[in-house]
Amino acid sequence: MEIPRHLIELRRAVEAADNRYRNNRGENATVTLAVWSDATAALARGIAAYADETGAPHREVEQAVQRAAGPHTPAQ
């Protein structure tokens, strides 16, 4: 399944925000959590729209996006 570039970029943005959140405290963590939340919501909407557009199951699209985005880099 070919995944649109914007979905791959959104997935990477979610992962980056997650990593930043885990490395921050206090006010910075609150801002980072808001960014993560917005990115996650945008990714979910994008996956749902692409699944509807292609007729593919939602879970299949989600897994394909994860594979296309590459390995997750956990926070250090």
PDB file of N, CA and C in Angstrom:
ATOM      1  N   MET A   1       0.853  -1.174   0.000  1.00  0.00           N
ATOM      2  CA  MET A   1       0.000   0.000   0.000  1.00  0.00           C
ATOM      3  C   MET A   1       0.900   1.239   0.000  1.00  0.00           C
ATOM      4  N   GLU A   2       0.614   2.117  -0.929  1.00  0.00           N
ATOM      5  CA  GLU A   2       1.370   3.374  -0.980  1.00  0.00           C
ATOM      6  C   GLU A   2       0.727   4.383  -0.024  1.00  0.00           C
ATOM      7  N   ILE A   3       1.556   4.934   0.850  1.00  0.00           N
ATOM      8  CA  ILE A   3       1.074   5.849   1.879  1.00  0.00           C
ATOM      9  C   ILE A   3       1.433   7.283   1.488  1.00  0.00           C
ATOM     10  N   PRO A   4       0.478   8.198   1.559  1.00  0.00           N
ATOM     11  CA  PRO A   4       0.767   9.603   1.245  1.00  0.00           C
ATOM     12  C   PRO A   4       1.834  10.173   2.186  1.00  0.00           C
ATOM     13  N   ARG A   5       2.675  10.985   1.636  1.00  0.00           N
ATOM     14  CA  ARG A   5       3.784  11.584   2.385  1.00  0.00           C
ATOM     15  C   ARG A   5       3.298  12.349   3.626  1.00  0.00           C
ATOM     16  N   HIS A   6       2.184  13.050   3.528  1.00  0.00           N
ATOM     17  CA  HIS A   6       1.718  13.839   4.675  1.00  0.00           C
ATOM     18  C   HIS A   6       1.373  12.949   5.871  1.00  0.00           C
ATOM     19  N   LEU A   7       0.912  11.719   5.624  1.00  0.00           N
ATOM     20  CA  LEU A   7       0.624  10.816   6.742  1.00  0.00           C
ATOM     21  C   LEU A   7       1.914  10.327   7.406  1.00  0.00           C
ATOM     22  N   ILE A   8       2.928  10.088   6.601  1.00  0.00           N
ATOM     23  CA  ILE A   8       4.237   9.690   7.151  1.00  0.00           C
ATOM     24  C   ILE A   8       4.809  10.825   7.984  1.00  0.00           C
ATOM     25  N   GLU A   9       4.708  12.041   7.477  1.00  0.00           N
ATOM     26  CA  GLU A   9       5.220  13.197   8.215  1.00  0.00           C
ATOM     27  C   GLU A   9       4.447  13.421   9.513  1.00  0.00           C
ATOM     28  N   LEU A  10       3.133  13.215   9.483  1.00  0.00           N
ATOM     29  CA  LEU A  10       2.340  13.344  10.708  1.00  0.00           C
ATOM     30  C   LEU A  10       2.745  12.287  11.732  1.00  0.00           C
ATOM     31  N   ARG A  11       2.970  11.066  11.285  1.00  0.00           N
ATOM     32  CA  ARG A  11       3.393   9.994  12.201  1.00  0.00           C
ATOM     33  C   ARG A  11       4.728  10.360  12.852  1.00  0.00           C
ATOM     34  N   ARG A  12       5.649  10.872  12.063  1.00  0.00           N
ATOM     35  CA  ARG A  12       6.956  11.275  12.611  1.00  0.00           C
ATOM     36  C   ARG A  12       6.804  12.454  13.571  1.00  0.00           C
ATOM     37  N   ALA A  13       5.871  13.354  13.291  1.00  0.00           N
ATOM     38  CA  ALA A  13       5.626  14.488  14.199  1.00  0.00           C
ATOM     39  C   ALA A  13       5.081  14.000  15.535  1.00  0.00           C
ATOM     40  N   VAL A  14       4.210  13.006  15.506  1.00  0.00           N
ATOM     41  CA  VAL A  14       3.681  12.433  16.747  1.00  0.00           C
ATOM     42  C   VAL A  14       4.815  11.811  17.557  1.00  0.00           C
ATOM     43  N   GLU A  15       5.679  11.053  16.901  1.00  0.00           N
ATOM     44  CA  GLU A  15       6.801  10.411  17.591  1.00  0.00           C
ATOM     45  C   GLU A  15       7.766  11.450  18.165  1.00  0.00           C
ATOM     46  N   ALA A  16       8.050  12.492  17.403  1.00  0.00           N
ATOM     47  CA  ALA A  16       8.955  13.541  17.886  1.00  0.00           C
ATOM     48  C   ALA A  16       8.357  14.266  19.089  1.00  0.00           C
ATOM     49  N   ALA A  17       7.071  14.566  19.040  1.00  0.00           N
ATOM     50  CA  ALA A  17       6.416  15.236  20.165  1.00  0.00           C
ATOM     51  C   ALA A  17       6.398  14.333  21.393  1.00  0.00           C
ATOM     52  N   ASP A  18       6.187  13.050  21.182  1.00  0.00           N
ATOM     53  CA  ASP A  18       6.210  12.094  22.287  1.00  0.00           C
ATOM     54  C   ASP A  18       7.586  12.073  22.947  1.00  0.00           C
ATOM     55  N   ASN A  19       8.620  12.043  22.130  1.00  0.00           N
ATOM     56  CA  ASN A  19       9.985  12.066  22.669  1.00  0.00           C
ATOM     57  C   ASN A  19      10.271  13.358  23.431  1.00  0.00           C
ATOM     58  N   ARG A  20       9.843  14.482  22.885  1.00  0.00           N
ATOM     59  CA  ARG A  20      10.061  15.765  23.562  1.00  0.00           C
ATOM     60  C   ARG A  20       9.299  15.819  24.880  1.00  0.00           C
ATOM     61  N   TYR A  21       8.081  15.305  24.892  1.00  0.00           N
ATOM     62  CA  TYR A  21       7.281  15.312  26.116  1.00  0.00           C
ATOM     63  C   TYR A  21       7.966  14.509  27.216  1.00  0.00           C
ATOM     64  N   ARG A  22       8.508  13.379  26.873  1.00  0.00           N
ATOM     65  CA  ARG A  22       9.162  12.515  27.862  1.00  0.00           C
ATOM     66  C   ARG A  22      10.434  13.137  28.423  1.00  0.00           C
ATOM     67  N   ASN A  23      10.995  14.087  27.703  1.00  0.00           N
ATOM     68  CA  ASN A  23      12.237  14.719  28.144  1.00  0.00           C
ATOM     69  C   ASN A  23      12.039  16.093  28.772  1.00  0.00           C
ATOM     70  N   ASN A  24      10.801  16.517  28.934  1.00  0.00           N
ATOM     71  CA  ASN A  24      10.521  17.847  29.477  1.00  0.00           C
ATOM     72  C   ASN A  24       9.787  17.760  30.806  1.00  0.00           C
ATOM     73  N   ARG A  25       9.859  18.839  31.538  1.00  0.00           N
ATOM     74  CA  ARG A  25       9.152  18.951  32.815  1.00  0.00           C
ATOM     75  C   ARG A  25       8.408  20.286  32.861  1.00  0.00           C
ATOM     76  N   GLY A  26       7.402  20.355  33.710  1.00  0.00           N
ATOM     77  CA  GLY A  26       6.719  21.615  33.960  1.00  0.00           C
ATOM     78  C   GLY A  26       5.990  22.180  32.771  1.00  0.00           C
ATOM     79  N   GLU A  27       6.133  23.480  32.604  1.00  0.00           N
ATOM     80  CA  GLU A  27       5.406  24.201  31.575  1.00  0.00           C
ATOM     81  C   GLU A  27       5.743  23.717  30.169  1.00  0.00           C
ATOM     82  N   ASN A  28       7.020  23.430  29.922  1.00  0.00           N
ATOM     83  CA  ASN A  28       7.405  22.933  28.602  1.00  0.00           C
ATOM     84  C   ASN A  28       6.714  21.617  28.282  1.00  0.00           C
ATOM     85  N   ALA A  29       6.562  20.769  29.295  1.00  0.00           N
ATOM     86  CA  ALA A  29       5.893  19.492  29.080  1.00  0.00           C
ATOM     87  C   ALA A  29       4.422  19.707  28.723  1.00  0.00           C
ATOM     88  N   THR A  30       3.789  20.677  29.317  1.00  0.00           N
ATOM     89  CA  THR A  30       2.386  20.964  29.027  1.00  0.00           C
ATOM     90  C   THR A  30       2.220  21.412  27.581  1.00  0.00           C
ATOM     91  N   VAL A  31       3.089  22.276  27.125  1.00  0.00           N
ATOM     92  CA  VAL A  31       3.043  22.743  25.734  1.00  0.00           C
ATOM     93  C   VAL A  31       3.311  21.577  24.783  1.00  0.00           C
ATOM     94  N   THR A  32       4.302  20.766  25.104  1.00  0.00           N
ATOM     95  CA  THR A  32       4.640  19.628  24.257  1.00  0.00           C
ATOM     96  C   THR A  32       3.502  18.625  24.199  1.00  0.00           C
ATOM     97  N   LEU A  33       2.817  18.433  25.335  1.00  0.00           N
ATOM     98  CA  LEU A  33       1.670  17.530  25.354  1.00  0.00           C
ATOM     99  C   LEU A  33       0.559  18.047  24.440  1.00  0.00           C
ATOM    100  N   ALA A  34       0.358  19.340  24.415  1.00  0.00           N
ATOM    101  CA  ALA A  34      -0.649  19.926  23.526  1.00  0.00           C
ATOM    102  C   ALA A  34      -0.272  19.705  22.060  1.00  0.00           C
ATOM    103  N   VAL A  35       1.006  19.858  21.740  1.00  0.00           N
ATOM    104  CA  VAL A  35       1.477  19.623  20.367  1.00  0.00           C
ATOM    105  C   VAL A  35       1.269  18.160  19.999  1.00  0.00           C
ATOM    106  N   TRP A  36       1.624  17.257  20.929  1.00  0.00           N
ATOM    107  CA  TRP A  36       1.439  15.828  20.692  1.00  0.00           C
ATOM    108  C   TRP A  36      -0.038  15.517  20.447  1.00  0.00           C
ATOM    109  N   SER A  37      -0.904  16.088  21.259  1.00  0.00           N
ATOM    110  CA  SER A  37      -2.337  15.844  21.132  1.00  0.00           C
ATOM    111  C   SER A  37      -2.855  16.303  19.772  1.00  0.00           C
ATOM    112  N   ASP A  38      -2.453  17.488  19.352  1.00  0.00           N
ATOM    113  CA  ASP A  38      -2.885  18.011  18.050  1.00  0.00           C
ATOM    114  C   ASP A  38      -2.366  17.140  16.906  1.00  0.00           C
ATOM    115  N   ALA A  39      -1.106  16.730  16.987  1.00  0.00           N
ATOM    116  CA  ALA A  39      -0.516  15.894  15.937  1.00  0.00           C
ATOM    117  C   ALA A  39      -1.194  14.530  15.887  1.00  0.00           C
ATOM    118  N   THR A  40      -1.486  13.968  17.053  1.00  0.00           N
ATOM    119  CA  THR A  40      -2.152  12.660  17.108  1.00  0.00           C
ATOM    120  C   THR A  40      -3.554  12.747  16.510  1.00  0.00           C
ATOM    121  N   ALA A  41      -4.277  13.803  16.832  1.00  0.00           N
ATOM    122  CA  ALA A  41      -5.623  13.987  16.279  1.00  0.00           C
ATOM    123  C   ALA A  41      -5.565  14.154  14.757  1.00  0.00           C
ATOM    124  N   ALA A  42      -4.607  14.927  14.276  1.00  0.00           N
ATOM    125  CA  ALA A  42      -4.476  15.126  12.829  1.00  0.00           C
ATOM    126  C   ALA A  42      -4.131  13.811  12.136  1.00  0.00           C
ATOM    127  N   LEU A  43      -3.257  13.024  12.750  1.00  0.00           N
ATOM    128  CA  LEU A  43      -2.894  11.730  12.178  1.00  0.00           C
ATOM    129  C   LEU A  43      -4.107  10.806  12.135  1.00  0.00           C
ATOM    130  N   ALA A  44      -4.869  10.750  13.203  1.00  0.00           N
ATOM    131  CA  ALA A  44      -6.060   9.894  13.240  1.00  0.00           C
ATOM    132  C   ALA A  44      -7.061  10.299  12.159  1.00  0.00           C
ATOM    133  N   ARG A  45      -7.268  11.605  11.997  1.00  0.00           N
ATOM    134  CA  ARG A  45      -8.186  12.088  10.944  1.00  0.00           C
ATOM    135  C   ARG A  45      -7.656  11.717   9.555  1.00  0.00           C
ATOM    136  N   GLY A  46      -6.343  11.872   9.364  1.00  0.00           N
ATOM    137  CA  GLY A  46      -5.741  11.548   8.074  1.00  0.00           C
ATOM    138  C   GLY A  46      -5.834  10.071   7.742  1.00  0.00           C
ATOM    139  N   ILE A  47      -5.597   9.228   8.739  1.00  0.00           N
ATOM    140  CA  ILE A  47      -5.700   7.778   8.524  1.00  0.00           C
ATOM    141  C   ILE A  47      -7.142   7.396   8.193  1.00  0.00           C
ATOM    142  N   ALA A  48      -8.079   7.950   8.935  1.00  0.00           N
ATOM    143  CA  ALA A  48      -9.493   7.646   8.686  1.00  0.00           C
ATOM    144  C   ALA A  48      -9.908   8.089   7.279  1.00  0.00           C
ATOM    145  N   ALA A  49      -9.489   9.274   6.880  1.00  0.00           N
ATOM    146  CA  ALA A  49      -9.838   9.777   5.551  1.00  0.00           C
ATOM    147  C   ALA A  49      -9.226   8.913   4.452  1.00  0.00           C
ATOM    148  N   TYR A  50      -7.959   8.521   4.643  1.00  0.00           N
ATOM    149  CA  TYR A  50      -7.293   7.693   3.632  1.00  0.00           C
ATOM    150  C   TYR A  50      -7.930   6.307   3.559  1.00  0.00           C
ATOM    151  N   ALA A  51      -8.302   5.756   4.715  1.00  0.00           N
ATOM    152  CA  ALA A  51      -8.969   4.451   4.735  1.00  0.00           C
ATOM    153  C   ALA A  51     -10.306   4.542   3.993  1.00  0.00           C
ATOM    154  N   ASP A  52     -11.057   5.600   4.227  1.00  0.00           N
ATOM    155  CA  ASP A  52     -12.335   5.789   3.530  1.00  0.00           C
ATOM    156  C   ASP A  52     -12.117   5.951   2.027  1.00  0.00           C
ATOM    157  N   GLU A  53     -11.094   6.717   1.675  1.00  0.00           N
ATOM    158  CA  GLU A  53     -10.804   6.996   0.261  1.00  0.00           C
ATOM    159  C   GLU A  53     -10.408   5.733  -0.493  1.00  0.00           C
ATOM    160  N   THR A  54      -9.605   4.891   0.151  1.00  0.00           N
ATOM    161  CA  THR A  54      -9.084   3.695  -0.524  1.00  0.00           C
ATOM    162  C   THR A  54      -9.943   2.459  -0.297  1.00  0.00           C
ATOM    163  N   GLY A  55     -10.810   2.500   0.719  1.00  0.00           N
ATOM    164  CA  GLY A  55     -11.601   1.321   1.047  1.00  0.00           C
ATOM    165  C   GLY A  55     -10.833   0.295   1.861  1.00  0.00           C
ATOM    166  N   ALA A  56      -9.631   0.645   2.270  1.00  0.00           N
ATOM    167  CA  ALA A  56      -8.804  -0.258   3.081  1.00  0.00           C
ATOM    168  C   ALA A  56      -9.256  -0.194   4.537  1.00  0.00           C
ATOM    169  N   PRO A  57      -9.086  -1.290   5.262  1.00  0.00           N
ATOM    170  CA  PRO A  57      -9.424  -1.252   6.686  1.00  0.00           C
ATOM    171  C   PRO A  57      -8.553  -0.236   7.439  1.00  0.00           C
ATOM    172  N   HIS A  58      -9.161   0.452   8.393  1.00  0.00           N
ATOM    173  CA  HIS A  58      -8.473   1.495   9.166  1.00  0.00           C
ATOM    174  C   HIS A  58      -7.185   0.945   9.780  1.00  0.00           C
ATOM    175  N   ARG A  59      -7.262  -0.214  10.395  1.00  0.00           N
ATOM    176  CA  ARG A  59      -6.097  -0.799  11.075  1.00  0.00           C
ATOM    177  C   ARG A  59      -4.968  -1.088  10.082  1.00  0.00           C
ATOM    178  N   GLU A  60      -5.317  -1.536   8.891  1.00  0.00           N
ATOM    179  CA  GLU A  60      -4.316  -1.823   7.862  1.00  0.00           C
ATOM    180  C   GLU A  60      -3.591  -0.539   7.442  1.00  0.00           C
ATOM    181  N   VAL A  61      -4.341   0.542   7.289  1.00  0.00           N
ATOM    182  CA  VAL A  61      -3.729   1.829   6.935  1.00  0.00           C
ATOM    183  C   VAL A  61      -2.825   2.304   8.062  1.00  0.00           C
ATOM    184  N   GLU A  62      -3.300   2.192   9.292  1.00  0.00           N
ATOM    185  CA  GLU A  62      -2.498   2.616  10.443  1.00  0.00           C
ATOM    186  C   GLU A  62      -1.177   1.854  10.511  1.00  0.00           C
ATOM    187  N   GLN A  63      -1.217   0.552  10.311  1.00  0.00           N
ATOM    188  CA  GLN A  63       0.000  -0.254  10.337  1.00  0.00           C
ATOM    189  C   GLN A  63       0.924   0.096   9.176  1.00  0.00           C
ATOM    190  N   ALA A  64       0.353   0.359   8.014  1.00  0.00           N
ATOM    191  CA  ALA A  64       1.164   0.736   6.854  1.00  0.00           C
ATOM    192  C   ALA A  64       1.854   2.080   7.084  1.00  0.00           C
ATOM    193  N   VAL A  65       1.163   3.009   7.724  1.00  0.00           N
ATOM    194  CA  VAL A  65       1.767   4.310   8.044  1.00  0.00           C
ATOM    195  C   VAL A  65       2.925   4.112   9.015  1.00  0.00           C
ATOM    196  N   GLN A  66       2.736   3.277  10.025  1.00  0.00           N
ATOM    197  CA  GLN A  66       3.803   3.010  10.993  1.00  0.00           C
ATOM    198  C   GLN A  66       5.026   2.415  10.302  1.00  0.00           C
ATOM    199  N   ARG A  67       4.809   1.448   9.423  1.00  0.00           N
ATOM    200  CA  ARG A  67       5.933   0.835   8.692  1.00  0.00           C
ATOM    201  C   ARG A  67       6.610   1.860   7.792  1.00  0.00           C
ATOM    202  N   ALA A  68       5.824   2.682   7.102  1.00  0.00           N
ATOM    203  CA  ALA A  68       6.392   3.669   6.179  1.00  0.00           C
ATOM    204  C   ALA A  68       7.187   4.749   6.901  1.00  0.00           C
ATOM    205  N   ALA A  69       6.782   5.073   8.123  1.00  0.00           N
ATOM    206  CA  ALA A  69       7.475   6.118   8.890  1.00  0.00           C
ATOM    207  C   ALA A  69       8.819   5.633   9.418  1.00  0.00           C
ATOM    208  N   GLY A  70       9.038   4.340   9.410  1.00  0.00           N
ATOM    209  CA  GLY A  70      10.317   3.805   9.886  1.00  0.00           C
ATOM    210  C   GLY A  70      10.267   3.486  11.367  1.00  0.00           C
ATOM    211  N   PRO A  71      11.373   3.004  11.871  1.00  0.00           N
ATOM    212  CA  PRO A  71      11.402   2.587  13.274  1.00  0.00           C
ATOM    213  C   PRO A  71      11.217   3.757  14.228  1.00  0.00           C
ATOM    214  N   HIS A  72      10.492   3.487  15.289  1.00  0.00           N
ATOM    215  CA  HIS A  72      10.277   4.491  16.342  1.00  0.00           C
ATOM    216  C   HIS A  72      11.568   4.668  17.122  1.00  0.00           C
ATOM    217  N   THR A  73      11.934   5.912  17.356  1.00  0.00           N
ATOM    218  CA  THR A  73      13.134   6.206  18.133  1.00  0.00           C
ATOM    219  C   THR A  73      12.697   6.630  19.522  1.00  0.00           C
ATOM    220  N   PRO A  74      12.847   5.733  20.511  1.00  0.00           N
ATOM    221  CA  PRO A  74      12.377   6.078  21.854  1.00  0.00           C
ATOM    222  C   PRO A  74      13.199   7.197  22.485  1.00  0.00           C
ATOM    223  N   ALA A  75      12.582   7.884  23.437  1.00  0.00           N
ATOM    224  CA  ALA A  75      13.262   8.962  24.155  1.00  0.00           C
ATOM    225  C   ALA A  75      14.418   8.399  24.945  1.00  0.00           C
ATOM    226  N   GLN A  76      15.458   9.158  25.034  1.00  0.00           N
ATOM    227  CA  GLN A  76      16.633   8.724  25.797  1.00  0.00           C
ATOM    228  C   GLN A  76      16.561   9.202  27.211  1.00  0.00           C
TER     229      GLN A  76
END
